Each structure stands twice: as structure tokens, then as C-alpha cells.
Protein backbone atom coordinates (compact mmCIF):
# COMPACT_ATOMS: atom_id res chain seq x y z
CA UNK A 1 137.88 31.13 96.55
CA UNK A 2 134.88 33.47 96.74
CA UNK A 3 134.65 36.08 99.48
CA UNK A 4 131.19 37.06 100.68
CA UNK A 5 131.32 40.33 102.62
CA UNK A 6 128.49 42.63 103.71
CA UNK A 7 129.36 46.34 104.26
CA UNK A 8 127.07 48.73 106.12
CA UNK A 9 127.47 52.50 106.48
CA UNK A 10 126.29 55.29 108.86
CA UNK A 11 126.52 58.76 107.72
CA UNK A 12 126.13 62.17 109.70
CA UNK A 13 126.40 65.31 107.75
CA UNK A 14 126.09 69.04 108.43
CA UNK A 15 126.13 72.04 106.10
CA UNK A 16 126.88 75.82 106.33
CA UNK A 17 126.55 78.57 103.91
CA UNK A 18 129.59 80.70 103.34
CA UNK A 19 127.60 83.88 104.03
CA UNK A 20 126.65 82.45 107.52
CA UNK A 21 130.11 81.46 108.50
CA UNK A 22 130.79 84.57 110.68
CA UNK A 23 127.94 83.34 112.87
CA UNK A 24 129.10 81.61 116.04
CA UNK A 25 126.80 78.65 115.34
CA UNK A 26 128.46 78.07 111.97
CA UNK A 27 132.31 77.89 112.92
CA UNK A 28 134.22 74.99 111.63
CA UNK A 29 134.21 73.44 115.06
CA UNK A 30 130.54 73.78 115.32
CA UNK A 31 130.07 72.17 111.81
CA UNK A 32 132.23 69.18 112.88
CA UNK A 33 130.41 68.87 116.06
CA UNK A 34 126.98 68.83 114.47
CA UNK A 35 128.10 66.29 111.93
CA UNK A 36 129.47 64.15 114.63
CA UNK A 37 126.27 64.31 116.57
CA UNK A 38 124.33 63.38 113.48
CA UNK A 39 126.66 60.27 112.85
CA UNK A 40 126.00 59.12 116.40
CA UNK A 41 122.21 59.48 115.64
CA UNK A 42 122.50 57.50 112.52
CA UNK A 43 124.42 54.76 114.30
CA UNK A 44 121.74 54.64 116.98
CA UNK A 45 119.04 54.19 114.31
CA UNK A 46 120.77 51.00 112.90
CA UNK A 47 122.67 50.12 109.74
CA UNK A 48 122.59 52.01 106.48
CA UNK A 49 121.41 55.30 107.87
CA UNK A 50 121.93 58.83 106.91
CA UNK A 51 121.22 61.74 109.31
CA UNK A 52 121.45 65.48 108.50
CA UNK A 53 122.10 67.76 111.25
CA UNK A 54 119.56 70.38 111.97
CA UNK A 55 120.54 73.87 110.95
CA UNK A 56 121.21 76.20 113.75
């Protein structure tokens, strides 16, 4: 028995430099928030999309 499956992926990512982590815009919570926002943008663009959060 053969299984034919299709998988799609949406990715949202955000980055922070260690030297900038003291900034309020680069806290862990902010990093996760920006990645989450990018993920929702990727999902809205359609299947198999990657969106990088803009640096702040």
C-alpha cells in the first residue's frame, strides 16, 4: 500500500545580535513576538512561504 502525502510549511523567523539584547526592542519576548508576526504573514501569503521579521 502506497501513501501519497503532501506537506507544506510556513516559516516566520526573527534574529537578534547578542550585542543588542539589552535593547528593549530585542528582548526574548520581543523576538518571539516578531517571529510569530512573521509566521502569520507567511501563512497569509500562501503555502511554502518564509518571512523574516524586519529588524527593529
